[in-house]
């Protein structure tokens, strides 16, 4: 009976979220496209971020996720940021949008997700950048696009592991995404995410109410870094996130 209730709740959440996409988000996406075609970019962007944050809040509340956020006061509010959390789940996106609701940012995301209905539109509204990890040339183009986005004053979020890790223990970070820092001197904000994988992937694909913790770690200023420091930045970010994960007995 318990297993039946879990599956029933999961289907309830899935149907509820799909219904929200169809009947609430879809009209908002059409309005966003209308503003875009009319060249009202400032109004378009303000509307887009507000609409997507409401979508994330709806998903989080529908799935009954209890999210605790620590360290929000550490994030500089007057300049673009490069957020670098560990990557646990497809649920990372709505959870992080909800947890960082006072900040507007896009994602570097797998190109396969950019082709999913509604997700593609939502990613566009956030100024996200799709990345083809299997094609080095296309991956470089994505990095350049992300650099342009940050230089325009927009924050971005990357998952340095480059894949989902179904664990509270981060895996080794890749270096490629940190090339963004070499061109932008953007402030890097490491984030440790805990228990997000238990929402879906760690529960055999069944949506499961979960206690989640998001810890904002100390920002890393990169404007005065040497080239050697920048090259080792992925190790530095990985180490501070790993140290945070060691505070728990998993």
C-alpha atoms as a PDB file:
ATOM      1  CA  UNK A   1       0.000   0.000   0.000  1.00  0.00           C
ATOM      2  CA  UNK A   2       2.830   2.398   0.829  1.00  0.00           C
ATOM      3  CA  UNK A   3       4.444   1.812  -2.563  1.00  0.00           C
ATOM      4  CA  UNK A   4       1.096   2.413  -4.271  1.00  0.00           C
ATOM      5  CA  UNK A   5       0.681   5.744  -2.456  1.00  0.00           C
ATOM      6  CA  UNK A   6       4.175   6.838  -3.490  1.00  0.00           C
ATOM      7  CA  UNK A   7       3.483   6.037  -7.136  1.00  0.00           C
ATOM      8  CA  UNK A   8       0.058   7.682  -7.009  1.00  0.00           C
ATOM      9  CA  UNK A   9       1.578  10.850  -5.548  1.00  0.00           C
ATOM     10  CA  UNK A  10       4.279  10.817  -8.230  1.00  0.00           C
ATOM     11  CA  UNK A  11       1.725  10.570 -11.035  1.00  0.00           C
ATOM     12  CA  UNK A  12      -0.335  13.300  -9.385  1.00  0.00           C
ATOM     13  CA  UNK A  13       2.679  15.624  -9.398  1.00  0.00           C
ATOM     14  CA  UNK A  14       3.597  14.787 -13.008  1.00  0.00           C
ATOM     15  CA  UNK A  15       0.044  15.395 -14.251  1.00  0.00           C
ATOM     16  CA  UNK A  16      -0.200  18.603 -12.216  1.00  0.00           C
ATOM     17  CA  UNK A  17       3.086  19.950 -13.598  1.00  0.00           C
ATOM     18  CA  UNK A  18       2.176  19.029 -17.188  1.00  0.00           C
ATOM     19  CA  UNK A  19      -1.191  20.739 -16.759  1.00  0.00           C
ATOM     20  CA  UNK A  20       0.557  23.843 -15.439  1.00  0.00           C
ATOM     21  CA  UNK A  21       2.878  23.863 -18.446  1.00  0.00           C
ATOM     22  CA  UNK A  22      -0.012  23.547 -20.885  1.00  0.00           C
ATOM     23  CA  UNK A  23      -2.485  25.967 -19.367  1.00  0.00           C
ATOM     24  CA  UNK A  24      -0.343  28.436 -17.404  1.00  0.00           C
ATOM     25  CA  UNK A  25       3.168  28.502 -18.838  1.00  0.00           C
ATOM     26  CA  UNK A  26       2.184  28.083 -22.485  1.00  0.00           C
ATOM     27  CA  UNK A  27       0.249  31.395 -22.627  1.00  0.00           C
ATOM     28  CA  UNK A  28       3.179  33.073 -20.860  1.00  0.00           C
ATOM     29  CA  UNK A  29       5.598  31.645 -23.421  1.00  0.00           C
ATOM     30  CA  UNK A  30       3.410  33.000 -26.222  1.00  0.00           C
ATOM     31  CA  UNK A  31       3.342  36.438 -24.571  1.00  0.00           C
ATOM     32  CA  UNK A  32       7.127  36.310 -24.177  1.00  0.00           C
ATOM     33  CA  UNK A  33       7.486  35.566 -27.903  1.00  0.00           C
ATOM     34  CA  UNK A  34       5.089  38.417 -28.678  1.00  0.00           C
ATOM     35  CA  UNK A  35       7.223  40.875 -26.710  1.00  0.00           C
ATOM     36  CA  UNK A  36      10.348  39.501 -28.377  1.00  0.00           C
ATOM     37  CA  UNK A  37       8.960  40.029 -31.883  1.00  0.00           C
ATOM     38  CA  UNK A  38       7.960  43.593 -31.012  1.00  0.00           C
ATOM     39  CA  UNK A  39      11.480  44.326 -29.796  1.00  0.00           C
ATOM     40  CA  UNK A  40      10.403  45.088 -26.215  1.00  0.00           C
ATOM     41  CA  UNK A  41      13.421  43.326 -24.785  1.00  0.00           C
ATOM     42  CA  UNK A  42      13.561  44.960 -21.372  1.00  0.00           C
ATOM     43  CA  UNK A  43       9.892  44.228 -20.707  1.00  0.00           C
ATOM     44  CA  UNK A  44      10.338  40.736 -22.203  1.00  0.00           C
ATOM     45  CA  UNK A  45      13.204  39.850 -19.868  1.00  0.00           C
ATOM     46  CA  UNK A  46      11.509  41.198 -16.741  1.00  0.00           C
ATOM     47  CA  UNK A  47       8.385  39.213 -17.581  1.00  0.00           C
ATOM     48  CA  UNK A  48      10.358  36.054 -18.427  1.00  0.00           C
ATOM     49  CA  UNK A  49      12.296  35.845 -15.179  1.00  0.00           C
ATOM     50  CA  UNK A  50       9.172  36.444 -13.102  1.00  0.00           C
ATOM     51  CA  UNK A  51       7.214  33.804 -15.027  1.00  0.00           C
ATOM     52  CA  UNK A  52       9.924  31.152 -14.798  1.00  0.00           C
ATOM     53  CA  UNK A  53      10.482  31.726 -11.082  1.00  0.00           C
ATOM     54  CA  UNK A  54       6.743  31.207 -10.523  1.00  0.00           C
ATOM     55  CA  UNK A  55       6.959  27.969 -12.518  1.00  0.00           C
ATOM     56  CA  UNK A  56       9.848  26.759 -10.335  1.00  0.00           C
ATOM     57  CA  UNK A  57       7.912  27.634  -7.177  1.00  0.00           C
ATOM     58  CA  UNK A  58       4.917  25.675  -8.472  1.00  0.00           C
ATOM     59  CA  UNK A  59       7.059  22.587  -9.193  1.00  0.00           C
ATOM     60  CA  UNK A  60       8.759  22.712  -5.784  1.00  0.00           C
ATOM     61  CA  UNK A  61       5.508  23.088  -3.876  1.00  0.00           C
ATOM     62  CA  UNK A  62       3.695  20.458  -5.947  1.00  0.00           C
ATOM     63  CA  UNK A  63       6.428  17.907  -5.180  1.00  0.00           C
ATOM     64  CA  UNK A  64       6.359  18.921  -1.490  1.00  0.00           C
ATOM     65  CA  UNK A  65      10.060  19.693  -1.390  1.00  0.00           C
ATOM     66  CA  UNK A  66      11.324  21.258   1.824  1.00  0.00           C
ATOM     67  CA  UNK A  67      14.224  23.491   0.795  1.00  0.00           C
ATOM     68  CA  UNK A  68      16.598  25.173   3.238  1.00  0.00           C
ATOM     69  CA  UNK A  69      18.955  27.795   1.818  1.00  0.00           C
ATOM     70  CA  UNK A  70      22.021  28.977   3.720  1.00  0.00           C
ATOM     71  CA  UNK A  71      24.361  31.834   2.792  1.00  0.00           C
ATOM     72  CA  UNK A  72      22.247  33.897   0.393  1.00  0.00           C
ATOM     73  CA  UNK A  73      23.695  37.061   1.918  1.00  0.00           C
ATOM     74  CA  UNK A  74      27.106  36.119   0.494  1.00  0.00           C
ATOM     75  CA  UNK A  75      26.029  36.615  -3.129  1.00  0.00           C
ATOM     76  CA  UNK A  76      27.004  40.015  -4.571  1.00  0.00           C
ATOM     77  CA  UNK A  77      23.892  41.758  -5.862  1.00  0.00           C
ATOM     78  CA  UNK A  78      25.447  44.388  -8.106  1.00  0.00           C
ATOM     79  CA  UNK A  79      27.219  42.348 -10.805  1.00  0.00           C
ATOM     80  CA  UNK A  80      26.915  39.173 -12.884  1.00  0.00           C
ATOM     81  CA  UNK A  81      27.754  35.915 -11.141  1.00  0.00           C
ATOM     82  CA  UNK A  82      28.918  32.501 -12.299  1.00  0.00           C
ATOM     83  CA  UNK A  83      27.160  29.981 -10.043  1.00  0.00           C
ATOM     84  CA  UNK A  84      28.883  26.582  -9.849  1.00  0.00           C
ATOM     85  CA  UNK A  85      26.862  23.932  -7.964  1.00  0.00           C
ATOM     86  CA  UNK A  86      27.378  20.191  -7.954  1.00  0.00           C
ATOM     87  CA  UNK A  87      24.909  18.410 -10.254  1.00  0.00           C
ATOM     88  CA  UNK A  88      22.619  15.733  -8.835  1.00  0.00           C
ATOM     89  CA  UNK A  89      19.364  15.623 -10.753  1.00  0.00           C
ATOM     90  CA  UNK A  90      17.066  16.970 -13.436  1.00  0.00           C
ATOM     91  CA  UNK A  91      15.286  18.528 -10.458  1.00  0.00           C
ATOM     92  CA  UNK A  92      18.326  20.784  -9.903  1.00  0.00           C
ATOM     93  CA  UNK A  93      16.916  23.374 -12.301  1.00  0.00           C
ATOM     94  CA  UNK A  94      13.583  24.163 -10.593  1.00  0.00           C
ATOM     95  CA  UNK A  95      15.142  23.718  -7.143  1.00  0.00           C
ATOM     96  CA  UNK A  96      17.962  26.194  -7.824  1.00  0.00           C
ATOM     97  CA  UNK A  97      15.620  28.671  -9.523  1.00  0.00           C
ATOM     98  CA  UNK A  98      13.470  28.515  -6.390  1.00  0.00           C
ATOM     99  CA  UNK A  99      16.390  28.718  -3.955  1.00  0.00           C
ATOM    100  CA  UNK A 100      17.992  31.655  -5.795  1.00  0.00           C
ATOM    101  CA  UNK A 101      14.725  33.418  -6.557  1.00  0.00           C
ATOM    102  CA  UNK A 102      16.178  36.905  -5.989  1.00  0.00           C
ATOM    103  CA  UNK A 103      18.714  36.427  -8.784  1.00  0.00           C
ATOM    104  CA  UNK A 104      18.194  36.214 -12.528  1.00  0.00           C
ATOM    105  CA  UNK A 105      20.419  33.704 -14.269  1.00  0.00           C
ATOM    106  CA  UNK A 106      20.527  31.214 -17.100  1.00  0.00           C
ATOM    107  CA  UNK A 107      21.991  27.733 -17.334  1.00  0.00           C
ATOM    108  CA  UNK A 108      24.584  26.051 -19.472  1.00  0.00           C
ATOM    109  CA  UNK A 109      22.633  22.887 -20.267  1.00  0.00           C
ATOM    110  CA  UNK A 110      22.884  19.744 -22.372  1.00  0.00           C
ATOM    111  CA  UNK A 111      21.727  20.294 -25.929  1.00  0.00           C
ATOM    112  CA  UNK A 112      19.424  17.272 -25.608  1.00  0.00           C
ATOM    113  CA  UNK A 113      17.359  19.131 -22.978  1.00  0.00           C
ATOM    114  CA  UNK A 114      17.130  22.181 -25.217  1.00  0.00           C
ATOM    115  CA  UNK A 115      15.012  20.109 -27.614  1.00  0.00           C
ATOM    116  CA  UNK A 116      12.432  19.061 -25.017  1.00  0.00           C
ATOM    117  CA  UNK A 117       9.066  20.850 -25.403  1.00  0.00           C
ATOM    118  CA  UNK A 118       8.534  23.647 -22.871  1.00  0.00           C
ATOM    119  CA  UNK A 119      12.024  23.114 -21.420  1.00  0.00           C
ATOM    120  CA  UNK A 120      13.450  24.630 -24.603  1.00  0.00           C
ATOM    121  CA  UNK A 121      11.157  27.650 -24.240  1.00  0.00           C
ATOM    122  CA  UNK A 122      11.891  28.064 -20.539  1.00  0.00           C
ATOM    123  CA  UNK A 123      15.647  27.859 -21.188  1.00  0.00           C
ATOM    124  CA  UNK A 124      15.310  30.532 -23.877  1.00  0.00           C
ATOM    125  CA  UNK A 125      13.420  32.784 -21.477  1.00  0.00           C
ATOM    126  CA  UNK A 126      16.330  32.466 -19.026  1.00  0.00           C
ATOM    127  CA  UNK A 127      18.956  33.170 -21.737  1.00  0.00           C
ATOM    128  CA  UNK A 128      20.367  29.683 -21.167  1.00  0.00           C
ATOM    129  CA  UNK A 129      23.020  28.254 -23.471  1.00  0.00           C
ATOM    130  CA  UNK A 130      22.771  24.684 -24.847  1.00  0.00           C
ATOM    131  CA  UNK A 131      26.033  22.726 -24.932  1.00  0.00           C
ATOM    132  CA  UNK A 132      26.876  19.834 -27.253  1.00  0.00           C
ATOM    133  CA  UNK A 133      29.415  17.976 -25.128  1.00  0.00           C
ATOM    134  CA  UNK A 134      30.063  15.427 -27.874  1.00  0.00           C
ATOM    135  CA  UNK A 135      31.236  18.068 -30.357  1.00  0.00           C
ATOM    136  CA  UNK A 136      34.299  20.052 -29.175  1.00  0.00           C
ATOM    137  CA  UNK A 137      33.787  22.794 -31.744  1.00  0.00           C
ATOM    138  CA  UNK A 138      30.169  23.315 -30.720  1.00  0.00           C
ATOM    139  CA  UNK A 139      31.168  23.215 -27.041  1.00  0.00           C
ATOM    140  CA  UNK A 140      33.636  26.063 -27.652  1.00  0.00           C
ATOM    141  CA  UNK A 141      30.882  28.054 -29.365  1.00  0.00           C
ATOM    142  CA  UNK A 142      28.683  27.538 -26.307  1.00  0.00           C
ATOM    143  CA  UNK A 143      31.438  28.832 -24.031  1.00  0.00           C
ATOM    144  CA  UNK A 144      31.813  31.928 -26.219  1.00  0.00           C
ATOM    145  CA  UNK A 145      28.051  32.479 -26.134  1.00  0.00           C
ATOM    146  CA  UNK A 146      28.102  32.207 -22.343  1.00  0.00           C
ATOM    147  CA  UNK A 147      30.942  34.726 -22.187  1.00  0.00           C
ATOM    148  CA  UNK A 148      28.894  37.155 -24.297  1.00  0.00           C
ATOM    149  CA  UNK A 149      25.893  36.657 -22.009  1.00  0.00           C
ATOM    150  CA  UNK A 150      27.929  37.396 -18.878  1.00  0.00           C
ATOM    151  CA  UNK A 151      29.565  40.419 -20.506  1.00  0.00           C
ATOM    152  CA  UNK A 152      26.064  41.760 -21.190  1.00  0.00           C
ATOM    153  CA  UNK A 153      25.501  41.767 -17.418  1.00  0.00           C
ATOM    154  CA  UNK A 154      23.577  38.501 -17.063  1.00  0.00           C
ATOM    155  CA  UNK A 155      24.482  35.833 -14.485  1.00  0.00           C
ATOM    156  CA  UNK A 156      24.921  32.187 -15.493  1.00  0.00           C
ATOM    157  CA  UNK A 157      24.988  28.807 -13.773  1.00  0.00           C
ATOM    158  CA  UNK A 158      27.129  25.865 -14.851  1.00  0.00           C
ATOM    159  CA  UNK A 159      27.404  22.324 -13.521  1.00  0.00           C
ATOM    160  CA  UNK A 160      31.178  21.695 -13.575  1.00  0.00           C
ATOM    161  CA  UNK A 161      30.795  17.907 -13.285  1.00  0.00           C
ATOM    162  CA  UNK A 162      29.169  17.935 -16.714  1.00  0.00           C
ATOM    163  CA  UNK A 163      26.721  15.191 -15.739  1.00  0.00           C
ATOM    164  CA  UNK A 164      24.268  14.229 -13.022  1.00  0.00           C
ATOM    165  CA  UNK A 165      25.824  12.490 -10.019  1.00  0.00           C
ATOM    166  CA  UNK A 166      23.243  10.600  -7.991  1.00  0.00           C
ATOM    167  CA  UNK A 167      24.987  11.222  -4.700  1.00  0.00           C
ATOM    168  CA  UNK A 168      25.682  13.925  -2.120  1.00  0.00           C
ATOM    169  CA  UNK A 169      29.395  13.478  -2.847  1.00  0.00           C
ATOM    170  CA  UNK A 170      30.542  15.537  -5.857  1.00  0.00           C
ATOM    171  CA  UNK A 171      32.663  13.984  -8.589  1.00  0.00           C
ATOM    172  CA  UNK A 172      35.688  15.565 -10.250  1.00  0.00           C
ATOM    173  CA  UNK A 173      35.021  18.878 -11.980  1.00  0.00           C
ATOM    174  CA  UNK A 174      35.879  19.454 -15.622  1.00  0.00           C
ATOM    175  CA  UNK A 175      38.007  22.397 -16.630  1.00  0.00           C
ATOM    176  CA  UNK A 176      36.274  23.518 -19.826  1.00  0.00           C
ATOM    177  CA  UNK A 177      33.518  25.646 -18.343  1.00  0.00           C
ATOM    178  CA  UNK A 178      35.993  27.622 -16.218  1.00  0.00           C
ATOM    179  CA  UNK A 179      37.495  29.064 -19.398  1.00  0.00           C
ATOM    180  CA  UNK A 180      34.642  31.534 -19.072  1.00  0.00           C
ATOM    181  CA  UNK A 181      36.535  33.170 -16.199  1.00  0.00           C
ATOM    182  CA  UNK A 182      39.605  33.838 -18.335  1.00  0.00           C
ATOM    183  CA  UNK A 183      37.606  36.194 -20.533  1.00  0.00           C
ATOM    184  CA  UNK A 184      35.169  37.756 -18.082  1.00  0.00           C
ATOM    185  CA  UNK A 185      36.787  37.945 -14.610  1.00  0.00           C
ATOM    186  CA  UNK A 186      33.328  37.074 -13.329  1.00  0.00           C
ATOM    187  CA  UNK A 187      32.784  36.421  -9.616  1.00  0.00           C
ATOM    188  CA  UNK A 188      32.382  32.677  -9.019  1.00  0.00           C
ATOM    189  CA  UNK A 189      29.916  31.509  -6.362  1.00  0.00           C
ATOM    190  CA  UNK A 190      30.280  27.793  -5.455  1.00  0.00           C
ATOM    191  CA  UNK A 191      27.119  26.066  -4.245  1.00  0.00           C
ATOM    192  CA  UNK A 192      26.742  22.746  -2.472  1.00  0.00           C
ATOM    193  CA  UNK A 193      23.431  21.007  -3.135  1.00  0.00           C
ATOM    194  CA  UNK A 194      22.294  18.188  -0.889  1.00  0.00           C
ATOM    195  CA  UNK A 195      19.622  15.493  -1.391  1.00  0.00           C
ATOM    196  CA  UNK A 196      18.176  16.770  -4.691  1.00  0.00           C
ATOM    197  CA  UNK A 197      18.891  13.401  -6.338  1.00  0.00           C
ATOM    198  CA  UNK A 198      16.459  11.795  -3.867  1.00  0.00           C
ATOM    199  CA  UNK A 199      13.555  13.670  -5.467  1.00  0.00           C
ATOM    200  CA  UNK A 200      13.608  11.544  -8.621  1.00  0.00           C
ATOM    201  CA  UNK A 201      16.668   9.567  -9.714  1.00  0.00           C
ATOM    202  CA  UNK A 202      17.422   8.195  -6.241  1.00  0.00           C
ATOM    203  CA  UNK A 203      13.808   7.051  -5.885  1.00  0.00           C
ATOM    204  CA  UNK A 204      13.608   4.881  -9.020  1.00  0.00           C
ATOM    205  CA  UNK A 205      12.019   7.691 -11.003  1.00  0.00           C
ATOM    206  CA  UNK A 206       9.208   8.204  -8.484  1.00  0.00           C
ATOM    207  CA  UNK A 207       8.732  11.836  -7.431  1.00  0.00           C
ATOM    208  CA  UNK A 208       9.430  11.844  -3.694  1.00  0.00           C
ATOM    209  CA  UNK A 209       8.993  14.642  -1.119  1.00  0.00           C
ATOM    210  CA  UNK A 210      12.502  15.426   0.124  1.00  0.00           C
ATOM    211  CA  UNK A 211      14.358  17.655   2.578  1.00  0.00           C
ATOM    212  CA  UNK A 212      16.902  19.571   0.510  1.00  0.00           C
ATOM    213  CA  UNK A 213      19.683  21.890   1.588  1.00  0.00           C
ATOM    214  CA  UNK A 214      21.361  24.489  -0.606  1.00  0.00           C
ATOM    215  CA  UNK A 215      24.544  26.021   0.833  1.00  0.00           C
ATOM    216  CA  UNK A 216      26.007  29.152  -0.745  1.00  0.00           C
ATOM    217  CA  UNK A 217      29.773  29.136  -0.211  1.00  0.00           C
ATOM    218  CA  UNK A 218      32.158  32.098  -0.160  1.00  0.00           C
ATOM    219  CA  UNK A 219      32.381  33.956  -3.495  1.00  0.00           C
ATOM    220  CA  UNK A 220      35.675  33.772  -5.354  1.00  0.00           C
ATOM    221  CA  UNK A 221      36.841  37.004  -6.969  1.00  0.00           C
ATOM    222  CA  UNK A 222      38.776  36.341 -10.173  1.00  0.00           C
ATOM    223  CA  UNK A 223      39.663  39.824 -11.432  1.00  0.00           C
ATOM    224  CA  UNK A 224      43.192  39.727  -9.976  1.00  0.00           C
ATOM    225  CA  UNK A 225      43.901  36.061 -10.654  1.00  0.00           C
ATOM    226  CA  UNK A 226      46.945  35.019 -12.611  1.00  0.00           C
ATOM    227  CA  UNK A 227      46.556  32.702 -15.600  1.00  0.00           C
ATOM    228  CA  UNK A 228      47.866  29.851 -13.457  1.00  0.00           C
ATOM    229  CA  UNK A 229      45.259  30.569 -10.759  1.00  0.00           C
ATOM    230  CA  UNK A 230      42.472  30.507 -13.321  1.00  0.00           C
ATOM    231  CA  UNK A 231      43.686  27.193 -14.706  1.00  0.00           C
ATOM    232  CA  UNK A 232      43.424  25.655 -11.249  1.00  0.00           C
ATOM    233  CA  UNK A 233      40.106  27.289 -10.424  1.00  0.00           C
ATOM    234  CA  UNK A 234      38.082  24.136 -11.112  1.00  0.00           C
ATOM    235  CA  UNK A 235      40.108  22.313  -8.435  1.00  0.00           C
ATOM    236  CA  UNK A 236      39.618  25.162  -5.982  1.00  0.00           C
ATOM    237  CA  UNK A 237      35.850  25.216  -6.506  1.00  0.00           C
ATOM    238  CA  UNK A 238      35.643  21.432  -6.311  1.00  0.00           C
ATOM    239  CA  UNK A 239      37.618  21.389  -3.059  1.00  0.00           C
ATOM    240  CA  UNK A 240      35.416  23.921  -1.251  1.00  0.00           C
ATOM    241  CA  UNK A 241      32.262  22.067  -2.303  1.00  0.00           C
ATOM    242  CA  UNK A 242      33.791  18.727  -1.308  1.00  0.00           C
ATOM    243  CA  UNK A 243      34.753  20.117   2.115  1.00  0.00           C
ATOM    244  CA  UNK A 244      31.162  21.215   2.638  1.00  0.00           C
ATOM    245  CA  UNK A 245      29.895  17.750   1.734  1.00  0.00           C
ATOM    246  CA  UNK A 246      32.193  16.195   4.336  1.00  0.00           C
ATOM    247  CA  UNK A 247      30.280  17.957   7.119  1.00  0.00           C
ATOM    248  CA  UNK A 248      27.589  15.325   6.746  1.00  0.00           C
ATOM    249  CA  UNK A 249      27.772  11.632   7.567  1.00  0.00           C
ATOM    250  CA  UNK A 250      26.463   9.988   4.382  1.00  0.00           C
END
